[in-house]
């Protein structure tokens, strides 16, 4: 699972983002990445998608992705996302 997590180049993309994006975007992207990484680690430890801990992380990921989209849209001068929780 760790190998699959690294395959798409998530760490490399984070480093590229840190070079070109403003701090607010970088921070929001890091928050989303951390929840995704925590989810990976939880699954590696043996949790299943039916476990309460997984459901909690899934909810947290949804929230941080919405915030990331909003921050990115503001950086581009667009209105906040129409996506709501």
PDB file of N, CA and C in Angstrom:
ATOM      1  N   UNK A   1       0.817  -1.179   0.000  1.00  0.00           N
ATOM      2  CA  UNK A   1       0.000   0.000   0.000  1.00  0.00           C
ATOM      3  C   UNK A   1       0.872   1.259   0.000  1.00  0.00           C
ATOM      4  N   UNK A   2       1.955   1.224   0.742  1.00  0.00           N
ATOM      5  CA  UNK A   2       2.857   2.388   0.762  1.00  0.00           C
ATOM      6  C   UNK A   2       3.422   2.655  -0.636  1.00  0.00           C
ATOM      7  N   UNK A   3       3.760   1.600  -1.345  1.00  0.00           N
ATOM      8  CA  UNK A   3       4.297   1.749  -2.699  1.00  0.00           C
ATOM      9  C   UNK A   3       3.261   2.384  -3.620  1.00  0.00           C
ATOM     10  N   UNK A   4       2.033   1.950  -3.525  1.00  0.00           N
ATOM     11  CA  UNK A   4       0.967   2.525  -4.345  1.00  0.00           C
ATOM     12  C   UNK A   4       0.738   3.992  -3.998  1.00  0.00           C
ATOM     13  N   UNK A   5       0.865   4.321  -2.725  1.00  0.00           N
ATOM     14  CA  UNK A   5       0.672   5.700  -2.285  1.00  0.00           C
ATOM     15  C   UNK A   5       1.726   6.615  -2.902  1.00  0.00           C
ATOM     16  N   UNK A   6       2.933   6.107  -3.029  1.00  0.00           N
ATOM     17  CA  UNK A   6       4.025   6.914  -3.570  1.00  0.00           C
ATOM     18  C   UNK A   6       4.057   6.933  -5.093  1.00  0.00           C
ATOM     19  N   UNK A   7       3.430   5.963  -5.734  1.00  0.00           N
ATOM     20  CA  UNK A   7       3.514   5.815  -7.191  1.00  0.00           C
ATOM     21  C   UNK A   7       3.079   7.050  -7.974  1.00  0.00           C
ATOM     22  N   UNK A   8       1.981   7.713  -7.608  1.00  0.00           N
ATOM     23  CA  UNK A   8       1.553   8.851  -8.424  1.00  0.00           C
ATOM     24  C   UNK A   8       2.422  10.097  -8.256  1.00  0.00           C
ATOM     25  N   UNK A   9       3.412  10.040  -7.382  1.00  0.00           N
ATOM     26  CA  UNK A   9       4.297  11.178  -7.199  1.00  0.00           C
ATOM     27  C   UNK A   9       3.753  12.222  -6.240  1.00  0.00           C
ATOM     28  N   UNK A  10       3.016  11.788  -5.231  1.00  0.00           N
ATOM     29  CA  UNK A  10       2.385  12.729  -4.301  1.00  0.00           C
ATOM     30  C   UNK A  10       3.407  13.639  -3.629  1.00  0.00           C
ATOM     31  N   UNK A  11       4.529  13.080  -3.217  1.00  0.00           N
ATOM     32  CA  UNK A  11       5.537  13.910  -2.550  1.00  0.00           C
ATOM     33  C   UNK A  11       6.140  14.915  -3.525  1.00  0.00           C
ATOM     34  N   UNK A  12       6.398  14.482  -4.739  1.00  0.00           N
ATOM     35  CA  UNK A  12       6.973  15.377  -5.737  1.00  0.00           C
ATOM     36  C   UNK A  12       6.019  16.528  -6.057  1.00  0.00           C
ATOM     37  N   UNK A  13       4.736  16.219  -6.170  1.00  0.00           N
ATOM     38  CA  UNK A  13       3.743  17.247  -6.448  1.00  0.00           C
ATOM     39  C   UNK A  13       3.679  18.244  -5.296  1.00  0.00           C
ATOM     40  N   UNK A  14       3.755  17.755  -4.083  1.00  0.00           N
ATOM     41  CA  UNK A  14       3.764  18.667  -2.925  1.00  0.00           C
ATOM     42  C   UNK A  14       4.951  19.606  -2.989  1.00  0.00           C
ATOM     43  N   UNK A  15       6.106  19.114  -3.358  1.00  0.00           N
ATOM     44  CA  UNK A  15       7.299  19.964  -3.444  1.00  0.00           C
ATOM     45  C   UNK A  15       7.157  20.989  -4.571  1.00  0.00           C
ATOM     46  N   UNK A  16       6.589  20.579  -5.685  1.00  0.00           N
ATOM     47  CA  UNK A  16       6.347  21.526  -6.780  1.00  0.00           C
ATOM     48  C   UNK A  16       5.372  22.609  -6.358  1.00  0.00           C
ATOM     49  N   UNK A  17       4.329  22.217  -5.671  1.00  0.00           N
ATOM     50  CA  UNK A  17       3.334  23.171  -5.187  1.00  0.00           C
ATOM     51  C   UNK A  17       3.982  24.173  -4.237  1.00  0.00           C
ATOM     52  N   UNK A  18       4.872  23.708  -3.380  1.00  0.00           N
ATOM     53  CA  UNK A  18       5.542  24.588  -2.420  1.00  0.00           C
ATOM     54  C   UNK A  18       6.383  25.653  -3.121  1.00  0.00           C
ATOM     55  N   UNK A  19       6.818  25.368  -4.325  1.00  0.00           N
ATOM     56  CA  UNK A  19       7.631  26.327  -5.075  1.00  0.00           C
ATOM     57  C   UNK A  19       6.769  27.414  -5.703  1.00  0.00           C
ATOM     58  N   UNK A  20       5.593  27.035  -6.204  1.00  0.00           N
ATOM     59  CA  UNK A  20       4.824  27.989  -7.003  1.00  0.00           C
ATOM     60  C   UNK A  20       3.575  28.563  -6.329  1.00  0.00           C
ATOM     61  N   UNK A  21       3.093  27.930  -5.297  1.00  0.00           N
ATOM     62  CA  UNK A  21       1.817  28.348  -4.695  1.00  0.00           C
ATOM     63  C   UNK A  21       2.053  29.239  -3.478  1.00  0.00           C
ATOM     64  N   UNK A  22       1.076  30.095  -3.180  1.00  0.00           N
ATOM     65  CA  UNK A  22       1.179  30.894  -1.963  1.00  0.00           C
ATOM     66  C   UNK A  22       1.022  30.029  -0.717  1.00  0.00           C
ATOM     67  N   UNK A  23       1.478  30.536   0.400  1.00  0.00           N
ATOM     68  CA  UNK A  23       1.502  29.794   1.662  1.00  0.00           C
ATOM     69  C   UNK A  23       0.137  29.212   2.017  1.00  0.00           C
ATOM     70  N   UNK A  24      -0.945  29.954   1.817  1.00  0.00           N
ATOM     71  CA  UNK A  24      -2.279  29.465   2.178  1.00  0.00           C
ATOM     72  C   UNK A  24      -2.625  28.187   1.402  1.00  0.00           C
ATOM     73  N   UNK A  25      -2.266  28.148   0.129  1.00  0.00           N
ATOM     74  CA  UNK A  25      -2.533  26.968  -0.697  1.00  0.00           C
ATOM     75  C   UNK A  25      -1.649  25.805  -0.246  1.00  0.00           C
ATOM     76  N   UNK A  26      -0.391  26.080  -0.001  1.00  0.00           N
ATOM     77  CA  UNK A  26       0.535  25.037   0.446  1.00  0.00           C
ATOM     78  C   UNK A  26       0.059  24.427   1.764  1.00  0.00           C
ATOM     79  N   UNK A  27      -0.358  25.272   2.692  1.00  0.00           N
ATOM     80  CA  UNK A  27      -0.830  24.774   3.989  1.00  0.00           C
ATOM     81  C   UNK A  27      -2.084  23.917   3.833  1.00  0.00           C
ATOM     82  N   UNK A  28      -3.022  24.363   3.002  1.00  0.00           N
ATOM     83  CA  UNK A  28      -4.256  23.594   2.799  1.00  0.00           C
ATOM     84  C   UNK A  28      -3.954  22.265   2.100  1.00  0.00           C
ATOM     85  N   UNK A  29      -3.040  22.284   1.152  1.00  0.00           N
ATOM     86  CA  UNK A  29      -2.661  21.050   0.461  1.00  0.00           C
ATOM     87  C   UNK A  29      -1.972  20.084   1.428  1.00  0.00           C
ATOM     88  N   UNK A  30      -1.158  20.617   2.310  1.00  0.00           N
ATOM     89  CA  UNK A  30      -0.488  19.760   3.292  1.00  0.00           C
ATOM     90  C   UNK A  30      -1.520  19.114   4.224  1.00  0.00           C
ATOM     91  N   UNK A  31      -2.519  19.878   4.635  1.00  0.00           N
ATOM     92  CA  UNK A  31      -3.563  19.320   5.501  1.00  0.00           C
ATOM     93  C   UNK A  31      -4.268  18.153   4.822  1.00  0.00           C
ATOM     94  N   UNK A  32      -4.585  18.302   3.539  1.00  0.00           N
ATOM     95  CA  UNK A  32      -5.238  17.222   2.801  1.00  0.00           C
ATOM     96  C   UNK A  32      -4.303  16.020   2.676  1.00  0.00           C
ATOM     97  N   UNK A  33      -3.047  16.282   2.400  1.00  0.00           N
ATOM     98  CA  UNK A  33      -2.066  15.217   2.251  1.00  0.00           C
ATOM     99  C   UNK A  33      -1.908  14.435   3.560  1.00  0.00           C
ATOM    100  N   UNK A  34      -1.870  15.146   4.687  1.00  0.00           N
ATOM    101  CA  UNK A  34      -1.692  14.491   5.985  1.00  0.00           C
ATOM    102  C   UNK A  34      -2.861  13.555   6.280  1.00  0.00           C
ATOM    103  N   UNK A  35      -4.082  13.992   6.004  1.00  0.00           N
ATOM    104  CA  UNK A  35      -5.239  13.123   6.252  1.00  0.00           C
ATOM    105  C   UNK A  35      -5.180  11.907   5.326  1.00  0.00           C
ATOM    106  N   UNK A  36      -4.792  12.121   4.079  1.00  0.00           N
ATOM    107  CA  UNK A  36      -4.665  11.002   3.149  1.00  0.00           C
ATOM    108  C   UNK A  36      -3.594  10.020   3.623  1.00  0.00           C
ATOM    109  N   UNK A  37      -2.472  10.550   4.081  1.00  0.00           N
ATOM    110  CA  UNK A  37      -1.398   9.695   4.593  1.00  0.00           C
ATOM    111  C   UNK A  37      -1.843   8.952   5.852  1.00  0.00           C
ATOM    112  N   UNK A  38      -2.571   9.639   6.735  1.00  0.00           N
ATOM    113  CA  UNK A  38      -3.087   8.980   7.945  1.00  0.00           C
ATOM    114  C   UNK A  38      -4.046   7.853   7.585  1.00  0.00           C
ATOM    115  N   UNK A  39      -4.837   8.065   6.546  1.00  0.00           N
ATOM    116  CA  UNK A  39      -5.759   7.021   6.087  1.00  0.00           C
ATOM    117  C   UNK A  39      -4.976   5.820   5.576  1.00  0.00           C
ATOM    118  N   UNK A  40      -3.945   6.096   4.799  1.00  0.00           N
ATOM    119  CA  UNK A  40      -3.079   5.005   4.319  1.00  0.00           C
ATOM    120  C   UNK A  40      -2.513   4.227   5.490  1.00  0.00           C
ATOM    121  N   UNK A  41      -1.974   4.932   6.469  1.00  0.00           N
ATOM    122  CA  UNK A  41      -1.358   4.269   7.623  1.00  0.00           C
ATOM    123  C   UNK A  41      -2.374   3.444   8.407  1.00  0.00           C
ATOM    124  N   UNK A  42      -3.582   3.973   8.548  1.00  0.00           N
ATOM    125  CA  UNK A  42      -4.640   3.241   9.248  1.00  0.00           C
ATOM    126  C   UNK A  42      -4.954   1.928   8.531  1.00  0.00           C
ATOM    127  N   UNK A  43      -5.042   1.985   7.214  1.00  0.00           N
ATOM    128  CA  UNK A  43      -5.318   0.772   6.435  1.00  0.00           C
ATOM    129  C   UNK A  43      -4.151  -0.212   6.498  1.00  0.00           C
ATOM    130  N   UNK A  44      -2.931   0.302   6.485  1.00  0.00           N
ATOM    131  CA  UNK A  44      -1.756  -0.562   6.609  1.00  0.00           C
ATOM    132  C   UNK A  44      -1.774  -1.290   7.958  1.00  0.00           C
ATOM    133  N   UNK A  45      -2.264  -0.602   8.989  1.00  0.00           N
ATOM    134  CA  UNK A  45      -2.338  -1.207  10.327  1.00  0.00           C
ATOM    135  C   UNK A  45      -3.446  -2.247  10.437  1.00  0.00           C
ATOM    136  N   UNK A  46      -4.280  -2.377   9.402  1.00  0.00           N
ATOM    137  CA  UNK A  46      -5.288  -3.424   9.401  1.00  0.00           C
ATOM    138  C   UNK A  46      -6.727  -2.959   9.512  1.00  0.00           C
ATOM    139  N   UNK A  47      -6.949  -1.667   9.610  1.00  0.00           N
ATOM    140  CA  UNK A  47      -8.334  -1.176   9.664  1.00  0.00           C
ATOM    141  C   UNK A  47      -9.018  -1.456   8.329  1.00  0.00           C
ATOM    142  N   UNK A  48     -10.333  -1.494   8.366  1.00  0.00           N
ATOM    143  CA  UNK A  48     -11.103  -1.696   7.142  1.00  0.00           C
ATOM    144  C   UNK A  48     -11.933  -0.446   6.863  1.00  0.00           C
ATOM    145  N   UNK A  49     -12.501  -0.389   5.684  1.00  0.00           N
ATOM    146  CA  UNK A  49     -13.330   0.764   5.324  1.00  0.00           C
ATOM    147  C   UNK A  49     -14.618   0.806   6.145  1.00  0.00           C
ATOM    148  N   UNK A  50     -14.914  -0.242   6.864  1.00  0.00           N
ATOM    149  CA  UNK A  50     -16.089  -0.278   7.722  1.00  0.00           C
ATOM    150  C   UNK A  50     -15.804   0.206   9.144  1.00  0.00           C
ATOM    151  N   UNK A  51     -14.556   0.467   9.461  1.00  0.00           N
ATOM    152  CA  UNK A  51     -14.207   0.844  10.832  1.00  0.00           C
ATOM    153  C   UNK A  51     -14.546   2.310  11.110  1.00  0.00           C
ATOM    154  N   UNK A  52     -14.901   2.620  12.345  1.00  0.00           N
ATOM    155  CA  UNK A  52     -15.202   4.005  12.713  1.00  0.00           C
ATOM    156  C   UNK A  52     -14.023   4.954  12.481  1.00  0.00           C
ATOM    157  N   UNK A  53     -12.822   4.476  12.714  1.00  0.00           N
ATOM    158  CA  UNK A  53     -11.639   5.323  12.507  1.00  0.00           C
ATOM    159  C   UNK A  53     -11.494   5.708  11.037  1.00  0.00           C
ATOM    160  N   UNK A  54     -11.789   4.769  10.148  1.00  0.00           N
ATOM    161  CA  UNK A  54     -11.733   5.067   8.720  1.00  0.00           C
ATOM    162  C   UNK A  54     -12.806   6.083   8.349  1.00  0.00           C
ATOM    163  N   UNK A  55     -14.003   5.900   8.871  1.00  0.00           N
ATOM    164  CA  UNK A  55     -15.098   6.838   8.579  1.00  0.00           C
ATOM    165  C   UNK A  55     -14.740   8.240   9.046  1.00  0.00           C
ATOM    166  N   UNK A  56     -14.097   8.342  10.209  1.00  0.00           N
ATOM    167  CA  UNK A  56     -13.672   9.641  10.716  1.00  0.00           C
ATOM    168  C   UNK A  56     -12.670  10.300   9.775  1.00  0.00           C
ATOM    169  N   UNK A  57     -11.689   9.531   9.338  1.00  0.00           N
ATOM    170  CA  UNK A  57     -10.690  10.075   8.421  1.00  0.00           C
ATOM    171  C   UNK A  57     -11.308  10.445   7.074  1.00  0.00           C
ATOM    172  N   UNK A  58     -12.264   9.674   6.622  1.00  0.00           N
ATOM    173  CA  UNK A  58     -12.941   9.980   5.367  1.00  0.00           C
ATOM    174  C   UNK A  58     -13.686  11.320   5.478  1.00  0.00           C
ATOM    175  N   UNK A  59     -14.346  11.537   6.606  1.00  0.00           N
ATOM    176  CA  UNK A  59     -15.025  12.814   6.833  1.00  0.00           C
ATOM    177  C   UNK A  59     -14.029  13.969   6.901  1.00  0.00           C
ATOM    178  N   UNK A  60     -12.924  13.747   7.602  1.00  0.00           N
ATOM    179  CA  UNK A  60     -11.883  14.787   7.681  1.00  0.00           C
ATOM    180  C   UNK A  60     -11.313  15.090   6.310  1.00  0.00           C
ATOM    181  N   UNK A  61     -11.092  14.058   5.490  1.00  0.00           N
ATOM    182  CA  UNK A  61     -10.543  14.269   4.155  1.00  0.00           C
ATOM    183  C   UNK A  61     -11.511  15.086   3.297  1.00  0.00           C
ATOM    184  N   UNK A  62     -12.792  14.752   3.359  1.00  0.00           N
ATOM    185  CA  UNK A  62     -13.787  15.527   2.613  1.00  0.00           C
ATOM    186  C   UNK A  62     -13.714  17.002   2.995  1.00  0.00           C
ATOM    187  N   UNK A  63     -13.604  17.275   4.298  1.00  0.00           N
ATOM    188  CA  UNK A  63     -13.567  18.658   4.773  1.00  0.00           C
ATOM    189  C   UNK A  63     -12.311  19.393   4.311  1.00  0.00           C
ATOM    190  N   UNK A  64     -11.157  18.735   4.400  1.00  0.00           N
ATOM    191  CA  UNK A  64      -9.924  19.429   4.004  1.00  0.00           C
ATOM    192  C   UNK A  64      -9.835  19.609   2.503  1.00  0.00           C
ATOM    193  N   UNK A  65     -10.418  18.712   1.730  1.00  0.00           N
ATOM    194  CA  UNK A  65     -10.414  18.873   0.274  1.00  0.00           C
ATOM    195  C   UNK A  65     -11.315  20.045  -0.122  1.00  0.00           C
ATOM    196  N   UNK A  66     -12.456  20.174   0.534  1.00  0.00           N
ATOM    197  CA  UNK A  66     -13.323  21.326   0.264  1.00  0.00           C
ATOM    198  C   UNK A  66     -12.576  22.617   0.583  1.00  0.00           C
ATOM    199  N   UNK A  67     -11.889  22.643   1.720  1.00  0.00           N
ATOM    200  CA  UNK A  67     -11.126  23.837   2.081  1.00  0.00           C
ATOM    201  C   UNK A  67     -10.005  24.092   1.081  1.00  0.00           C
ATOM    202  N   UNK A  68      -9.318  23.048   0.646  1.00  0.00           N
ATOM    203  CA  UNK A  68      -8.255  23.206  -0.349  1.00  0.00           C
ATOM    204  C   UNK A  68      -8.810  23.803  -1.638  1.00  0.00           C
ATOM    205  N   UNK A  69      -9.939  23.296  -2.096  1.00  0.00           N
ATOM    206  CA  UNK A  69     -10.554  23.855  -3.306  1.00  0.00           C
ATOM    207  C   UNK A  69     -10.886  25.329  -3.126  1.00  0.00           C
ATOM    208  N   UNK A  70     -11.447  25.677  -1.977  1.00  0.00           N
ATOM    209  CA  UNK A  70     -11.809  27.065  -1.719  1.00  0.00           C
ATOM    210  C   UNK A  70     -10.583  27.970  -1.705  1.00  0.00           C
ATOM    211  N   UNK A  71      -9.524  27.525  -1.055  1.00  0.00           N
ATOM    212  CA  UNK A  71      -8.291  28.309  -0.991  1.00  0.00           C
ATOM    213  C   UNK A  71      -7.706  28.482  -2.395  1.00  0.00           C
ATOM    214  N   UNK A  72      -7.697  27.421  -3.172  1.00  0.00           N
ATOM    215  CA  UNK A  72      -7.157  27.495  -4.534  1.00  0.00           C
ATOM    216  C   UNK A  72      -8.009  28.422  -5.410  1.00  0.00           C
ATOM    217  N   UNK A  73      -9.319  28.336  -5.263  1.00  0.00           N
ATOM    218  CA  UNK A  73     -10.203  29.205  -6.041  1.00  0.00           C
ATOM    219  C   UNK A  73      -9.989  30.669  -5.661  1.00  0.00           C
ATOM    220  N   UNK A  74      -9.851  30.964  -4.374  1.00  0.00           N
ATOM    221  CA  UNK A  74      -9.581  32.345  -3.954  1.00  0.00           C
ATOM    222  C   UNK A  74      -8.265  32.832  -4.534  1.00  0.00           C
ATOM    223  N   UNK A  75      -7.250  31.956  -4.541  1.00  0.00           N
ATOM    224  CA  UNK A  75      -5.951  32.334  -5.106  1.00  0.00           C
ATOM    225  C   UNK A  75      -6.083  32.672  -6.591  1.00  0.00           C
ATOM    226  N   UNK A  76      -6.994  31.998  -7.271  1.00  0.00           N
ATOM    227  CA  UNK A  76      -7.211  32.255  -8.698  1.00  0.00           C
ATOM    228  C   UNK A  76      -8.174  33.419  -8.945  1.00  0.00           C
ATOM    229  N   UNK A  77      -8.721  33.970  -7.860  1.00  0.00           N
ATOM    230  CA  UNK A  77      -9.654  35.083  -8.003  1.00  0.00           C
ATOM    231  C   UNK A  77     -11.077  34.648  -8.284  1.00  0.00           C
ATOM    232  N   UNK A  78     -11.370  33.377  -8.070  1.00  0.00           N
ATOM    233  CA  UNK A  78     -12.719  32.857  -8.298  1.00  0.00           C
ATOM    234  C   UNK A  78     -13.474  32.836  -6.972  1.00  0.00           C
ATOM    235  N   UNK A  79     -14.784  32.692  -7.070  1.00  0.00           N
ATOM    236  CA  UNK A  79     -15.587  32.597  -5.856  1.00  0.00           C
ATOM    237  C   UNK A  79     -15.347  31.249  -5.184  1.00  0.00           C
ATOM    238  N   UNK A  80     -15.743  31.162  -3.918  1.00  0.00           N
ATOM    239  CA  UNK A  80     -15.613  29.887  -3.206  1.00  0.00           C
ATOM    240  C   UNK A  80     -16.336  28.787  -3.948  1.00  0.00           C
ATOM    241  N   UNK A  81     -15.882  27.586  -3.730  1.00  0.00           N
ATOM    242  CA  UNK A  81     -16.483  26.414  -4.351  1.00  0.00           C
ATOM    243  C   UNK A  81     -17.970  26.323  -4.018  1.00  0.00           C
ATOM    244  N   UNK A  82     -18.727  25.782  -4.935  1.00  0.00           N
ATOM    245  CA  UNK A  82     -20.145  25.545  -4.671  1.00  0.00           C
ATOM    246  C   UNK A  82     -20.340  24.246  -3.891  1.00  0.00           C
ATOM    247  N   UNK A  83     -19.254  23.503  -3.676  1.00  0.00           N
ATOM    248  CA  UNK A  83     -19.320  22.254  -2.920  1.00  0.00           C
ATOM    249  C   UNK A  83     -19.518  22.586  -1.456  1.00  0.00           C
ATOM    250  N   UNK A  84     -20.504  21.967  -0.844  1.00  0.00           N
ATOM    251  CA  UNK A  84     -20.734  22.181   0.583  1.00  0.00           C
ATOM    252  C   UNK A  84     -20.712  20.848   1.285  1.00  0.00           C
ATOM    253  N   UNK A  85     -20.577  20.901   2.576  1.00  0.00           N
ATOM    254  CA  UNK A  85     -20.591  19.688   3.390  1.00  0.00           C
ATOM    255  C   UNK A  85     -21.976  19.428   3.861  1.00  0.00           C
TER     256      UNK A  85
END
